[in-house]
Amino acid sequence: MTSRYIKIHLPYGKVSAIGPGKADLLEAIAQSGSISAAARQMGMSYKRAWDLVDTMNKSFQQPLVSTATGGSHGGGAQLTGLGHEVLHRYREIELKSHRAVDEELTALAGFLKPQG
């Protein structure tokens, strides 16, 4: 769920612990069971996805994503209990904030000059 108008980030020092892109990545990992598959789905490199996961895991009290090393049984990734909780709460915050400001932001956007 990406807003046309607002983007919510939870700052942690100089980084964003979670924001819209990281939330989308968590959803993609939950659906695919894989960081590499989630990265492909989102059109980003595995390195970029891994860096985002690493930032999230280091920002919260416990990791949001757990990984299993590849091999004959394959690797994988899944959200931890905290990962599911953080994603759920983030999406709730997005939904509530969008509902609260939608009318005003739509009116404000009406004052913008047409692009192109």
PDB file of N, CA and C in Angstrom:
ATOM      1  N   MET A   1       0.847  -1.178   0.000  1.00  0.00           N
ATOM      2  CA  MET A   1       0.000   0.000   0.000  1.00  0.00           C
ATOM      3  C   MET A   1       0.885   1.231   0.000  1.00  0.00           C
ATOM      4  N   THR A   2       1.021   1.873  -1.107  1.00  0.00           N
ATOM      5  CA  THR A   2       1.846   3.064  -1.199  1.00  0.00           C
ATOM      6  C   THR A   2       0.956   4.272  -1.395  1.00  0.00           C
ATOM      7  N   SER A   3       1.177   5.293  -0.609  1.00  0.00           N
ATOM      8  CA  SER A   3       0.377   6.508  -0.682  1.00  0.00           C
ATOM      9  C   SER A   3       0.837   7.389  -1.827  1.00  0.00           C
ATOM     10  N   ARG A   4      -0.119   8.102  -2.403  1.00  0.00           N
ATOM     11  CA  ARG A   4       0.235   9.078  -3.428  1.00  0.00           C
ATOM     12  C   ARG A   4       0.909  10.284  -2.801  1.00  0.00           C
ATOM     13  N   TYR A   5       0.661  10.529  -1.526  1.00  0.00           N
ATOM     14  CA  TYR A   5       1.042  11.790  -0.930  1.00  0.00           C
ATOM     15  C   TYR A   5       2.050  11.699   0.201  1.00  0.00           C
ATOM     16  N   ILE A   6       1.900  10.767   1.077  1.00  0.00           N
ATOM     17  CA  ILE A   6       2.755  10.754   2.253  1.00  0.00           C
ATOM     18  C   ILE A   6       3.511   9.433   2.355  1.00  0.00           C
ATOM     19  N   LYS A   7       4.681   9.529   2.957  1.00  0.00           N
ATOM     20  CA  LYS A   7       5.486   8.340   3.212  1.00  0.00           C
ATOM     21  C   LYS A   7       5.918   8.396   4.666  1.00  0.00           C
ATOM     22  N   ILE A   8       5.669   7.335   5.385  1.00  0.00           N
ATOM     23  CA  ILE A   8       5.969   7.292   6.804  1.00  0.00           C
ATOM     24  C   ILE A   8       7.247   6.505   7.024  1.00  0.00           C
ATOM     25  N   HIS A   9       8.177   7.107   7.747  1.00  0.00           N
ATOM     26  CA  HIS A   9       9.438   6.455   8.107  1.00  0.00           C
ATOM     27  C   HIS A   9       9.608   6.512   9.615  1.00  0.00           C
ATOM     28  N   LEU A  10      10.156   5.465  10.173  1.00  0.00           N
ATOM     29  CA  LEU A  10      10.509   5.447  11.586  1.00  0.00           C
ATOM     30  C   LEU A  10      12.020   5.612  11.661  1.00  0.00           C
ATOM     31  N   PRO A  11      12.503   6.798  12.067  1.00  0.00           N
ATOM     32  CA  PRO A  11      13.948   7.006  12.089  1.00  0.00           C
ATOM     33  C   PRO A  11      14.619   6.238  13.223  1.00  0.00           C
ATOM     34  N   TYR A  12      15.824   5.811  12.948  1.00  0.00           N
ATOM     35  CA  TYR A  12      16.665   5.154  13.943  1.00  0.00           C
ATOM     36  C   TYR A  12      18.080   5.656  13.698  1.00  0.00           C
ATOM     37  N   GLY A  13      18.491   6.639  14.463  1.00  0.00           N
ATOM     38  CA  GLY A  13      19.791   7.262  14.203  1.00  0.00           C
ATOM     39  C   GLY A  13      19.773   7.923  12.844  1.00  0.00           C
ATOM     40  N   LYS A  14      20.738   7.581  12.008  1.00  0.00           N
ATOM     41  CA  LYS A  14      20.851   8.183  10.681  1.00  0.00           C
ATOM     42  C   LYS A  14      20.129   7.384   9.602  1.00  0.00           C
ATOM     43  N   VAL A  15      19.464   6.303   9.990  1.00  0.00           N
ATOM     44  CA  VAL A  15      18.770   5.463   9.005  1.00  0.00           C
ATOM     45  C   VAL A  15      17.279   5.433   9.308  1.00  0.00           C
ATOM     46  N   SER A  16      16.547   4.886   8.381  1.00  0.00           N
ATOM     47  CA  SER A  16      15.123   4.628   8.567  1.00  0.00           C
ATOM     48  C   SER A  16      14.982   3.162   8.969  1.00  0.00           C
ATOM     49  N   ALA A  17      14.465   2.930  10.178  1.00  0.00           N
ATOM     50  CA  ALA A  17      14.285   1.545  10.635  1.00  0.00           C
ATOM     51  C   ALA A  17      13.275   0.827   9.757  1.00  0.00           C
ATOM     52  N   ILE A  18      12.221   1.543   9.395  1.00  0.00           N
ATOM     53  CA  ILE A  18      11.225   1.013   8.464  1.00  0.00           C
ATOM     54  C   ILE A  18      10.545   2.174   7.770  1.00  0.00           C
ATOM     55  N   GLY A  19      10.209   1.949   6.535  1.00  0.00           N
ATOM     56  CA  GLY A  19       9.496   2.912   5.705  1.00  0.00           C
ATOM     57  C   GLY A  19       8.742   2.135   4.649  1.00  0.00           C
ATOM     58  N   PRO A  20       8.175   2.812   3.669  1.00  0.00           N
ATOM     59  CA  PRO A  20       7.339   2.109   2.690  1.00  0.00           C
ATOM     60  C   PRO A  20       8.076   1.037   1.887  1.00  0.00           C
ATOM     61  N   GLY A  21       9.290   1.312   1.455  1.00  0.00           N
ATOM     62  CA  GLY A  21      10.038   0.319   0.682  1.00  0.00           C
ATOM     63  C   GLY A  21      10.413  -0.898   1.509  1.00  0.00           C
ATOM     64  N   LYS A  22      10.820  -0.673   2.733  1.00  0.00           N
ATOM     65  CA  LYS A  22      11.181  -1.779   3.621  1.00  0.00           C
ATOM     66  C   LYS A  22       9.951  -2.606   3.975  1.00  0.00           C
ATOM     67  N   ALA A  23       8.817  -1.939   4.182  1.00  0.00           N
ATOM     68  CA  ALA A  23       7.581  -2.681   4.450  1.00  0.00           C
ATOM     69  C   ALA A  23       7.196  -3.538   3.244  1.00  0.00           C
ATOM     70  N   ASP A  24       7.328  -2.973   2.047  1.00  0.00           N
ATOM     71  CA  ASP A  24       7.048  -3.746   0.831  1.00  0.00           C
ATOM     72  C   ASP A  24       7.984  -4.947   0.724  1.00  0.00           C
ATOM     73  N   LEU A  25       9.250  -4.740   1.079  1.00  0.00           N
ATOM     74  CA  LEU A  25      10.216  -5.836   1.047  1.00  0.00           C
ATOM     75  C   LEU A  25       9.835  -6.919   2.050  1.00  0.00           C
ATOM     76  N   LEU A  26       9.444  -6.526   3.255  1.00  0.00           N
ATOM     77  CA  LEU A  26       9.009  -7.526   4.244  1.00  0.00           C
ATOM     78  C   LEU A  26       7.836  -8.339   3.709  1.00  0.00           C
ATOM     79  N   GLU A  27       6.875  -7.683   3.079  1.00  0.00           N
ATOM     80  CA  GLU A  27       5.734  -8.399   2.502  1.00  0.00           C
ATOM     81  C   GLU A  27       6.184  -9.379   1.422  1.00  0.00           C
ATOM     82  N   ALA A  28       7.101  -8.928   0.576  1.00  0.00           N
ATOM     83  CA  ALA A  28       7.586  -9.793  -0.501  1.00  0.00           C
ATOM     84  C   ALA A  28       8.348 -10.996   0.057  1.00  0.00           C
ATOM     85  N   ILE A  29       9.111 -10.803   1.109  1.00  0.00           N
ATOM     86  CA  ILE A  29       9.826 -11.917   1.748  1.00  0.00           C
ATOM     87  C   ILE A  29       8.821 -12.884   2.363  1.00  0.00           C
ATOM     88  N   ALA A  30       7.800 -12.347   3.030  1.00  0.00           N
ATOM     89  CA  ALA A  30       6.777 -13.203   3.639  1.00  0.00           C
ATOM     90  C   ALA A  30       6.070 -14.043   2.578  1.00  0.00           C
ATOM     91  N   GLN A  31       5.821 -13.462   1.412  1.00  0.00           N
ATOM     92  CA  GLN A  31       5.119 -14.170   0.341  1.00  0.00           C
ATOM     93  C   GLN A  31       6.003 -15.188  -0.370  1.00  0.00           C
ATOM     94  N   SER A  32       7.274 -14.824  -0.575  1.00  0.00           N
ATOM     95  CA  SER A  32       8.146 -15.678  -1.386  1.00  0.00           C
ATOM     96  C   SER A  32       9.009 -16.631  -0.569  1.00  0.00           C
ATOM     97  N   GLY A  33       9.256 -16.290   0.692  1.00  0.00           N
ATOM     98  CA  GLY A  33      10.147 -17.111   1.513  1.00  0.00           C
ATOM     99  C   GLY A  33      11.607 -16.974   1.139  1.00  0.00           C
ATOM    100  N   SER A  34      11.935 -15.877   0.457  1.00  0.00           N
ATOM    101  CA  SER A  34      13.295 -15.718  -0.050  1.00  0.00           C
ATOM    102  C   SER A  34      13.625 -14.243  -0.235  1.00  0.00           C
ATOM    103  N   ILE A  35      14.805 -13.837   0.204  1.00  0.00           N
ATOM    104  CA  ILE A  35      15.238 -12.461  -0.036  1.00  0.00           C
ATOM    105  C   ILE A  35      15.518 -12.256  -1.514  1.00  0.00           C
ATOM    106  N   SER A  36      16.147 -13.223  -2.166  1.00  0.00           N
ATOM    107  CA  SER A  36      16.470 -13.052  -3.588  1.00  0.00           C
ATOM    108  C   SER A  36      15.204 -13.002  -4.434  1.00  0.00           C
ATOM    109  N   ALA A  37      14.214 -13.834  -4.129  1.00  0.00           N
ATOM    110  CA  ALA A  37      12.953 -13.791  -4.880  1.00  0.00           C
ATOM    111  C   ALA A  37      12.220 -12.479  -4.628  1.00  0.00           C
ATOM    112  N   ALA A  38      12.253 -12.019  -3.381  1.00  0.00           N
ATOM    113  CA  ALA A  38      11.617 -10.747  -3.052  1.00  0.00           C
ATOM    114  C   ALA A  38      12.301  -9.606  -3.804  1.00  0.00           C
ATOM    115  N   ALA A  39      13.630  -9.637  -3.867  1.00  0.00           N
ATOM    116  CA  ALA A  39      14.378  -8.607  -4.594  1.00  0.00           C
ATOM    117  C   ALA A  39      13.996  -8.614  -6.072  1.00  0.00           C
ATOM    118  N   ARG A  40      13.947  -9.784  -6.675  1.00  0.00           N
ATOM    119  CA  ARG A  40      13.559  -9.880  -8.091  1.00  0.00           C
ATOM    120  C   ARG A  40      12.157  -9.319  -8.302  1.00  0.00           C
ATOM    121  N   GLN A  41      11.241  -9.694  -7.428  1.00  0.00           N
ATOM    122  CA  GLN A  41       9.855  -9.233  -7.520  1.00  0.00           C
ATOM    123  C   GLN A  41       9.772  -7.704  -7.454  1.00  0.00           C
ATOM    124  N   MET A  42      10.656  -7.105  -6.670  1.00  0.00           N
ATOM    125  CA  MET A  42      10.637  -5.659  -6.489  1.00  0.00           C
ATOM    126  C   MET A  42      11.559  -4.916  -7.462  1.00  0.00           C
ATOM    127  N   GLY A  43      12.275  -5.652  -8.286  1.00  0.00           N
ATOM    128  CA  GLY A  43      13.162  -5.025  -9.261  1.00  0.00           C
ATOM    129  C   GLY A  43      14.404  -4.400  -8.651  1.00  0.00           C
ATOM    130  N   MET A  44      14.913  -5.030  -7.589  1.00  0.00           N
ATOM    131  CA  MET A  44      16.141  -4.516  -6.971  1.00  0.00           C
ATOM    132  C   MET A  44      17.165  -5.635  -6.899  1.00  0.00           C
ATOM    133  N   SER A  45      18.403  -5.257  -6.679  1.00  0.00           N
ATOM    134  CA  SER A  45      19.460  -6.255  -6.579  1.00  0.00           C
ATOM    135  C   SER A  45      19.345  -7.011  -5.251  1.00  0.00           C
ATOM    136  N   TYR A  46      19.892  -8.205  -5.238  1.00  0.00           N
ATOM    137  CA  TYR A  46      19.923  -8.976  -3.986  1.00  0.00           C
ATOM    138  C   TYR A  46      20.701  -8.209  -2.926  1.00  0.00           C
ATOM    139  N   LYS A  47      21.804  -7.585  -3.326  1.00  0.00           N
ATOM    140  CA  LYS A  47      22.629  -6.819  -2.376  1.00  0.00           C
ATOM    141  C   LYS A  47      21.819  -5.703  -1.736  1.00  0.00           C
ATOM    142  N   ARG A  48      21.047  -4.975  -2.522  1.00  0.00           N
ATOM    143  CA  ARG A  48      20.223  -3.886  -1.987  1.00  0.00           C
ATOM    144  C   ARG A  48      19.194  -4.447  -1.009  1.00  0.00           C
ATOM    145  N   ALA A  49      18.533  -5.539  -1.384  1.00  0.00           N
ATOM    146  CA  ALA A  49      17.529  -6.150  -0.503  1.00  0.00           C
ATOM    147  C   ALA A  49      18.184  -6.626   0.790  1.00  0.00           C
ATOM    148  N   TRP A  50      19.340  -7.273   0.665  1.00  0.00           N
ATOM    149  CA  TRP A  50      20.039  -7.751   1.861  1.00  0.00           C
ATOM    150  C   TRP A  50      20.435  -6.588   2.767  1.00  0.00           C
ATOM    151  N   ASP A  51      20.914  -5.491   2.178  1.00  0.00           N
ATOM    152  CA  ASP A  51      21.289  -4.314   2.973  1.00  0.00           C
ATOM    153  C   ASP A  51      20.082  -3.749   3.717  1.00  0.00           C
ATOM    154  N   LEU A  52      18.923  -3.713   3.073  1.00  0.00           N
ATOM    155  CA  LEU A  52      17.708  -3.226   3.726  1.00  0.00           C
ATOM    156  C   LEU A  52      17.294  -4.143   4.873  1.00  0.00           C
ATOM    157  N   VAL A  53      17.362  -5.448   4.643  1.00  0.00           N
ATOM    158  CA  VAL A  53      17.041  -6.413   5.697  1.00  0.00           C
ATOM    159  C   VAL A  53      18.016  -6.254   6.856  1.00  0.00           C
ATOM    160  N   ASP A  54      19.296  -6.108   6.543  1.00  0.00           N
ATOM    161  CA  ASP A  54      20.316  -5.950   7.570  1.00  0.00           C
ATOM    162  C   ASP A  54      20.055  -4.697   8.411  1.00  0.00           C
ATOM    163  N   THR A  55      19.699  -3.604   7.761  1.00  0.00           N
ATOM    164  CA  THR A  55      19.374  -2.371   8.484  1.00  0.00           C
ATOM    165  C   THR A  55      18.193  -2.584   9.415  1.00  0.00           C
ATOM    166  N   MET A  56      17.135  -3.225   8.903  1.00  0.00           N
ATOM    167  CA  MET A  56      15.968  -3.489   9.751  1.00  0.00           C
ATOM    168  C   MET A  56      16.344  -4.385  10.923  1.00  0.00           C
ATOM    169  N   ASN A  57      17.069  -5.449  10.647  1.00  0.00           N
ATOM    170  CA  ASN A  57      17.436  -6.388  11.711  1.00  0.00           C
ATOM    171  C   ASN A  57      18.288  -5.723  12.793  1.00  0.00           C
ATOM    172  N   LYS A  58      19.141  -4.793  12.393  1.00  0.00           N
ATOM    173  CA  LYS A  58      20.009  -4.107  13.353  1.00  0.00           C
ATOM    174  C   LYS A  58      19.284  -2.979  14.093  1.00  0.00           C
ATOM    175  N   SER A  59      18.187  -2.486  13.533  1.00  0.00           N
ATOM    176  CA  SER A  59      17.483  -1.352  14.117  1.00  0.00           C
ATOM    177  C   SER A  59      16.523  -1.754  15.238  1.00  0.00           C
ATOM    178  N   PHE A  60      15.970  -2.937  15.148  1.00  0.00           N
ATOM    179  CA  PHE A  60      14.974  -3.377  16.126  1.00  0.00           C
ATOM    180  C   PHE A  60      15.623  -4.246  17.201  1.00  0.00           C
ATOM    181  N   GLN A  61      14.930  -4.417  18.314  1.00  0.00           N
ATOM    182  CA  GLN A  61      15.464  -5.177  19.446  1.00  0.00           C
ATOM    183  C   GLN A  61      15.773  -6.620  19.081  1.00  0.00           C
ATOM    184  N   GLN A  62      15.014  -7.158  18.139  1.00  0.00           N
ATOM    185  CA  GLN A  62      15.227  -8.512  17.631  1.00  0.00           C
ATOM    186  C   GLN A  62      15.106  -8.457  16.114  1.00  0.00           C
ATOM    187  N   PRO A  63      15.692  -9.409  15.401  1.00  0.00           N
ATOM    188  CA  PRO A  63      15.595  -9.402  13.937  1.00  0.00           C
ATOM    189  C   PRO A  63      14.141  -9.503  13.457  1.00  0.00           C
ATOM    190  N   LEU A  64      13.874  -8.859  12.316  1.00  0.00           N
ATOM    191  CA  LEU A  64      12.561  -8.954  11.680  1.00  0.00           C
ATOM    192  C   LEU A  64      12.523 -10.076  10.661  1.00  0.00           C
ATOM    193  N   VAL A  65      13.706 -10.448  10.151  1.00  0.00           N
ATOM    194  CA  VAL A  65      13.819 -11.494   9.133  1.00  0.00           C
ATOM    195  C   VAL A  65      14.860 -12.494   9.598  1.00  0.00           C
ATOM    196  N   SER A  66      14.500 -13.767   9.529  1.00  0.00           N
ATOM    197  CA  SER A  66      15.484 -14.817   9.815  1.00  0.00           C
ATOM    198  C   SER A  66      15.804 -15.516   8.503  1.00  0.00           C
ATOM    199  N   THR A  67      17.050 -15.952   8.383  1.00  0.00           N
ATOM    200  CA  THR A  67      17.498 -16.581   7.142  1.00  0.00           C
ATOM    201  C   THR A  67      18.080 -17.954   7.437  1.00  0.00           C
ATOM    202  N   ALA A  68      17.984 -18.799   6.436  1.00  0.00           N
ATOM    203  CA  ALA A  68      18.612 -20.115   6.493  1.00  0.00           C
ATOM    204  C   ALA A  68      19.598 -20.199   5.343  1.00  0.00           C
ATOM    205  N   THR A  69      20.786 -20.713   5.610  1.00  0.00           N
ATOM    206  CA  THR A  69      21.819 -20.830   4.593  1.00  0.00           C
ATOM    207  C   THR A  69      21.389 -21.834   3.539  1.00  0.00           C
ATOM    208  N   GLY A  70      21.770 -21.557   2.293  1.00  0.00           N
ATOM    209  CA  GLY A  70      21.446 -22.456   1.182  1.00  0.00           C
ATOM    210  C   GLY A  70      22.165 -23.780   1.312  1.00  0.00           C
ATOM    211  N   GLY A  71      22.119 -24.547   0.285  1.00  0.00           N
ATOM    212  CA  GLY A  71      22.744 -25.858   0.289  1.00  0.00           C
ATOM    213  C   GLY A  71      21.823 -26.838  -0.401  1.00  0.00           C
ATOM    214  N   SER A  72      21.980 -28.117  -0.091  1.00  0.00           N
ATOM    215  CA  SER A  72      21.180 -29.126  -0.775  1.00  0.00           C
ATOM    216  C   SER A  72      19.695 -28.986  -0.471  1.00  0.00           C
ATOM    217  N   HIS A  73      19.362 -28.442   0.699  1.00  0.00           N
ATOM    218  CA  HIS A  73      17.954 -28.259   1.048  1.00  0.00           C
ATOM    219  C   HIS A  73      17.472 -26.853   0.739  1.00  0.00           C
ATOM    220  N   GLY A  74      18.350 -26.042   0.161  1.00  0.00           N
ATOM    221  CA  GLY A  74      17.984 -24.670  -0.184  1.00  0.00           C
ATOM    222  C   GLY A  74      17.992 -23.766   1.026  1.00  0.00           C
ATOM    223  N   GLY A  75      18.092 -22.502   0.758  1.00  0.00           N
ATOM    224  CA  GLY A  75      18.068 -21.517   1.828  1.00  0.00           C
ATOM    225  C   GLY A  75      16.662 -20.981   1.975  1.00  0.00           C
ATOM    226  N   GLY A  76      16.582 -19.782   2.451  1.00  0.00           N
ATOM    227  CA  GLY A  76      15.283 -19.160   2.565  1.00  0.00           C
ATOM    228  C   GLY A  76      15.298 -18.073   3.608  1.00  0.00           C
ATOM    229  N   ALA A  77      14.198 -17.390   3.680  1.00  0.00           N
ATOM    230  CA  ALA A  77      14.038 -16.317   4.655  1.00  0.00           C
ATOM    231  C   ALA A  77      12.576 -16.249   5.052  1.00  0.00           C
ATOM    232  N   GLN A  78      12.357 -15.847   6.273  1.00  0.00           N
ATOM    233  CA  GLN A  78      10.984 -15.675   6.734  1.00  0.00           C
ATOM    234  C   GLN A  78      10.947 -14.562   7.765  1.00  0.00           C
ATOM    235  N   LEU A  79       9.771 -13.974   7.912  1.00  0.00           N
ATOM    236  CA  LEU A  79       9.611 -12.966   8.939  1.00  0.00           C
ATOM    237  C   LEU A  79       9.541 -13.650  10.289  1.00  0.00           C
ATOM    238  N   THR A  80      10.149 -13.020  11.259  1.00  0.00           N
ATOM    239  CA  THR A  80      10.041 -13.496  12.635  1.00  0.00           C
ATOM    240  C   THR A  80       8.698 -13.014  13.191  1.00  0.00           C
ATOM    241  N   GLY A  81       8.388 -13.438  14.388  1.00  0.00           N
ATOM    242  CA  GLY A  81       7.173 -12.939  15.029  1.00  0.00           C
ATOM    243  C   GLY A  81       7.180 -11.425  15.122  1.00  0.00           C
ATOM    244  N   LEU A  82       8.333 -10.867  15.509  1.00  0.00           N
ATOM    245  CA  LEU A  82       8.444  -9.415  15.579  1.00  0.00           C
ATOM    246  C   LEU A  82       8.317  -8.796  14.198  1.00  0.00           C
ATOM    247  N   GLY A  83       8.852  -9.454  13.183  1.00  0.00           N
ATOM    248  CA  GLY A  83       8.734  -8.956  11.813  1.00  0.00           C
ATOM    249  C   GLY A  83       7.286  -8.832  11.386  1.00  0.00           C
ATOM    250  N   HIS A  84       6.488  -9.847  11.691  1.00  0.00           N
ATOM    251  CA  HIS A  84       5.057  -9.795  11.365  1.00  0.00           C
ATOM    252  C   HIS A  84       4.373  -8.672  12.138  1.00  0.00           C
ATOM    253  N   GLU A  85       4.716  -8.532  13.399  1.00  0.00           N
ATOM    254  CA  GLU A  85       4.108  -7.495  14.248  1.00  0.00           C
ATOM    255  C   GLU A  85       4.469  -6.098  13.756  1.00  0.00           C
ATOM    256  N   VAL A  86       5.743  -5.867  13.442  1.00  0.00           N
ATOM    257  CA  VAL A  86       6.183  -4.561  12.954  1.00  0.00           C
ATOM    258  C   VAL A  86       5.493  -4.239  11.631  1.00  0.00           C
ATOM    259  N   LEU A  87       5.437  -5.198  10.716  1.00  0.00           N
ATOM    260  CA  LEU A  87       4.788  -4.970   9.426  1.00  0.00           C
ATOM    261  C   LEU A  87       3.312  -4.643   9.620  1.00  0.00           C
ATOM    262  N   HIS A  88       2.628  -5.408  10.466  1.00  0.00           N
ATOM    263  CA  HIS A  88       1.207  -5.164  10.720  1.00  0.00           C
ATOM    264  C   HIS A  88       0.986  -3.763  11.295  1.00  0.00           C
ATOM    265  N   ARG A  89       1.768  -3.395  12.287  1.00  0.00           N
ATOM    266  CA  ARG A  89       1.605  -2.072  12.908  1.00  0.00           C
ATOM    267  C   ARG A  89       1.945  -0.947  11.928  1.00  0.00           C
ATOM    268  N   TYR A  90       2.961  -1.147  11.113  1.00  0.00           N
ATOM    269  CA  TYR A  90       3.324  -0.139  10.121  1.00  0.00           C
ATOM    270  C   TYR A  90       2.171   0.068   9.135  1.00  0.00           C
ATOM    271  N   ARG A  91       1.597  -1.013   8.638  1.00  0.00           N
ATOM    272  CA  ARG A  91       0.480  -0.903   7.686  1.00  0.00           C
ATOM    273  C   ARG A  91      -0.739  -0.246   8.336  1.00  0.00           C
ATOM    274  N   GLU A  92      -0.976  -0.516   9.596  1.00  0.00           N
ATOM    275  CA  GLU A  92      -2.083   0.130  10.318  1.00  0.00           C
ATOM    276  C   GLU A  92      -1.840   1.633  10.436  1.00  0.00           C
ATOM    277  N   ILE A  93      -0.616   2.018  10.735  1.00  0.00           N
ATOM    278  CA  ILE A  93      -0.272   3.441  10.828  1.00  0.00           C
ATOM    279  C   ILE A  93      -0.484   4.113   9.470  1.00  0.00           C
ATOM    280  N   GLU A  94      -0.036   3.458   8.394  1.00  0.00           N
ATOM    281  CA  GLU A  94      -0.246   4.006   7.055  1.00  0.00           C
ATOM    282  C   GLU A  94      -1.733   4.217   6.780  1.00  0.00           C
ATOM    283  N   LEU A  95      -2.523   3.193   7.029  1.00  0.00           N
ATOM    284  CA  LEU A  95      -3.954   3.252   6.756  1.00  0.00           C
ATOM    285  C   LEU A  95      -4.619   4.376   7.545  1.00  0.00           C
ATOM    286  N   LYS A  96      -4.339   4.453   8.828  1.00  0.00           N
ATOM    287  CA  LYS A  96      -4.950   5.484   9.673  1.00  0.00           C
ATOM    288  C   LYS A  96      -4.503   6.886   9.253  1.00  0.00           C
ATOM    289  N   SER A  97      -3.243   7.043   8.930  1.00  0.00           N
ATOM    290  CA  SER A  97      -2.762   8.371   8.550  1.00  0.00           C
ATOM    291  C   SER A  97      -3.340   8.788   7.203  1.00  0.00           C
ATOM    292  N   HIS A  98      -3.458   7.865   6.269  1.00  0.00           N
ATOM    293  CA  HIS A  98      -4.021   8.195   4.960  1.00  0.00           C
ATOM    294  C   HIS A  98      -5.480   8.611   5.101  1.00  0.00           C
ATOM    295  N   ARG A  99      -6.218   7.884   5.929  1.00  0.00           N
ATOM    296  CA  ARG A  99      -7.621   8.243   6.148  1.00  0.00           C
ATOM    297  C   ARG A  99      -7.734   9.628   6.776  1.00  0.00           C
ATOM    298  N   ALA A 100      -6.822   9.948   7.680  1.00  0.00           N
ATOM    299  CA  ALA A 100      -6.893  11.210   8.405  1.00  0.00           C
ATOM    300  C   ALA A 100      -6.585  12.422   7.529  1.00  0.00           C
ATOM    301  N   VAL A 101      -5.744  12.253   6.516  1.00  0.00           N
ATOM    302  CA  VAL A 101      -5.303  13.414   5.738  1.00  0.00           C
ATOM    303  C   VAL A 101      -5.714  13.376   4.274  1.00  0.00           C
ATOM    304  N   ASP A 102      -6.417  12.360   3.835  1.00  0.00           N
ATOM    305  CA  ASP A 102      -6.713  12.192   2.413  1.00  0.00           C
ATOM    306  C   ASP A 102      -7.454  13.386   1.817  1.00  0.00           C
ATOM    307  N   GLU A 103      -8.493  13.831   2.468  1.00  0.00           N
ATOM    308  CA  GLU A 103      -9.293  14.934   1.923  1.00  0.00           C
ATOM    309  C   GLU A 103      -8.458  16.207   1.772  1.00  0.00           C
ATOM    310  N   GLU A 104      -7.688  16.535   2.806  1.00  0.00           N
ATOM    311  CA  GLU A 104      -6.884  17.747   2.762  1.00  0.00           C
ATOM    312  C   GLU A 104      -5.764  17.654   1.725  1.00  0.00           C
ATOM    313  N   LEU A 105      -5.124  16.494   1.635  1.00  0.00           N
ATOM    314  CA  LEU A 105      -4.037  16.345   0.665  1.00  0.00           C
ATOM    315  C   LEU A 105      -4.569  16.349  -0.765  1.00  0.00           C
ATOM    316  N   THR A 106      -5.737  15.771  -0.977  1.00  0.00           N
ATOM    317  CA  THR A 106      -6.344  15.804  -2.309  1.00  0.00           C
ATOM    318  C   THR A 106      -6.632  17.247  -2.706  1.00  0.00           C
ATOM    319  N   ALA A 107      -7.183  18.029  -1.773  1.00  0.00           N
ATOM    320  CA  ALA A 107      -7.452  19.444  -2.054  1.00  0.00           C
ATOM    321  C   ALA A 107      -6.153  20.199  -2.320  1.00  0.00           C
ATOM    322  N   LEU A 108      -5.148  19.960  -1.508  1.00  0.00           N
ATOM    323  CA  LEU A 108      -3.867  20.629  -1.684  1.00  0.00           C
ATOM    324  C   LEU A 108      -3.245  20.272  -3.025  1.00  0.00           C
ATOM    325  N   ALA A 109      -3.298  19.012  -3.403  1.00  0.00           N
ATOM    326  CA  ALA A 109      -2.740  18.574  -4.676  1.00  0.00           C
ATOM    327  C   ALA A 109      -3.454  19.232  -5.851  1.00  0.00           C
ATOM    328  N   GLY A 110      -4.701  19.609  -5.662  1.00  0.00           N
ATOM    329  CA  GLY A 110      -5.444  20.295  -6.712  1.00  0.00           C
ATOM    330  C   GLY A 110      -4.862  21.641  -7.073  1.00  0.00           C
ATOM    331  N   PHE A 111      -4.039  22.212  -6.218  1.00  0.00           N
ATOM    332  CA  PHE A 111      -3.402  23.501  -6.503  1.00  0.00           C
ATOM    333  C   PHE A 111      -2.104  23.367  -7.292  1.00  0.00           C
ATOM    334  N   LEU A 112      -1.644  22.139  -7.509  1.00  0.00           N
ATOM    335  CA  LEU A 112      -0.406  21.938  -8.249  1.00  0.00           C
ATOM    336  C   LEU A 112      -0.605  22.237  -9.731  1.00  0.00           C
ATOM    337  N   LYS A 113       0.451  22.723 -10.341  1.00  0.00           N
ATOM    338  CA  LYS A 113       0.458  22.966 -11.783  1.00  0.00           C
ATOM    339  C   LYS A 113       0.534  21.612 -12.491  1.00  0.00           C
ATOM    340  N   PRO A 114      -0.181  21.432 -13.605  1.00  0.00           N
ATOM    341  CA  PRO A 114      -0.075  20.171 -14.356  1.00  0.00           C
ATOM    342  C   PRO A 114       1.364  19.918 -14.800  1.00  0.00           C
ATOM    343  N   GLN A 115       1.778  18.661 -14.758  1.00  0.00           N
ATOM    344  CA  GLN A 115       3.128  18.308 -15.189  1.00  0.00           C
ATOM    345  C   GLN A 115       3.147  18.040 -16.669  1.00  0.00           C
ATOM    346  N   GLY A 116       4.295  18.301 -17.286  1.00  0.00           N
ATOM    347  CA  GLY A 116       4.468  17.946 -18.680  1.00  0.00           C
ATOM    348  C   GLY A 116       4.356  19.072 -19.552  1.00  0.00           C
TER     349      GLY A 116
END
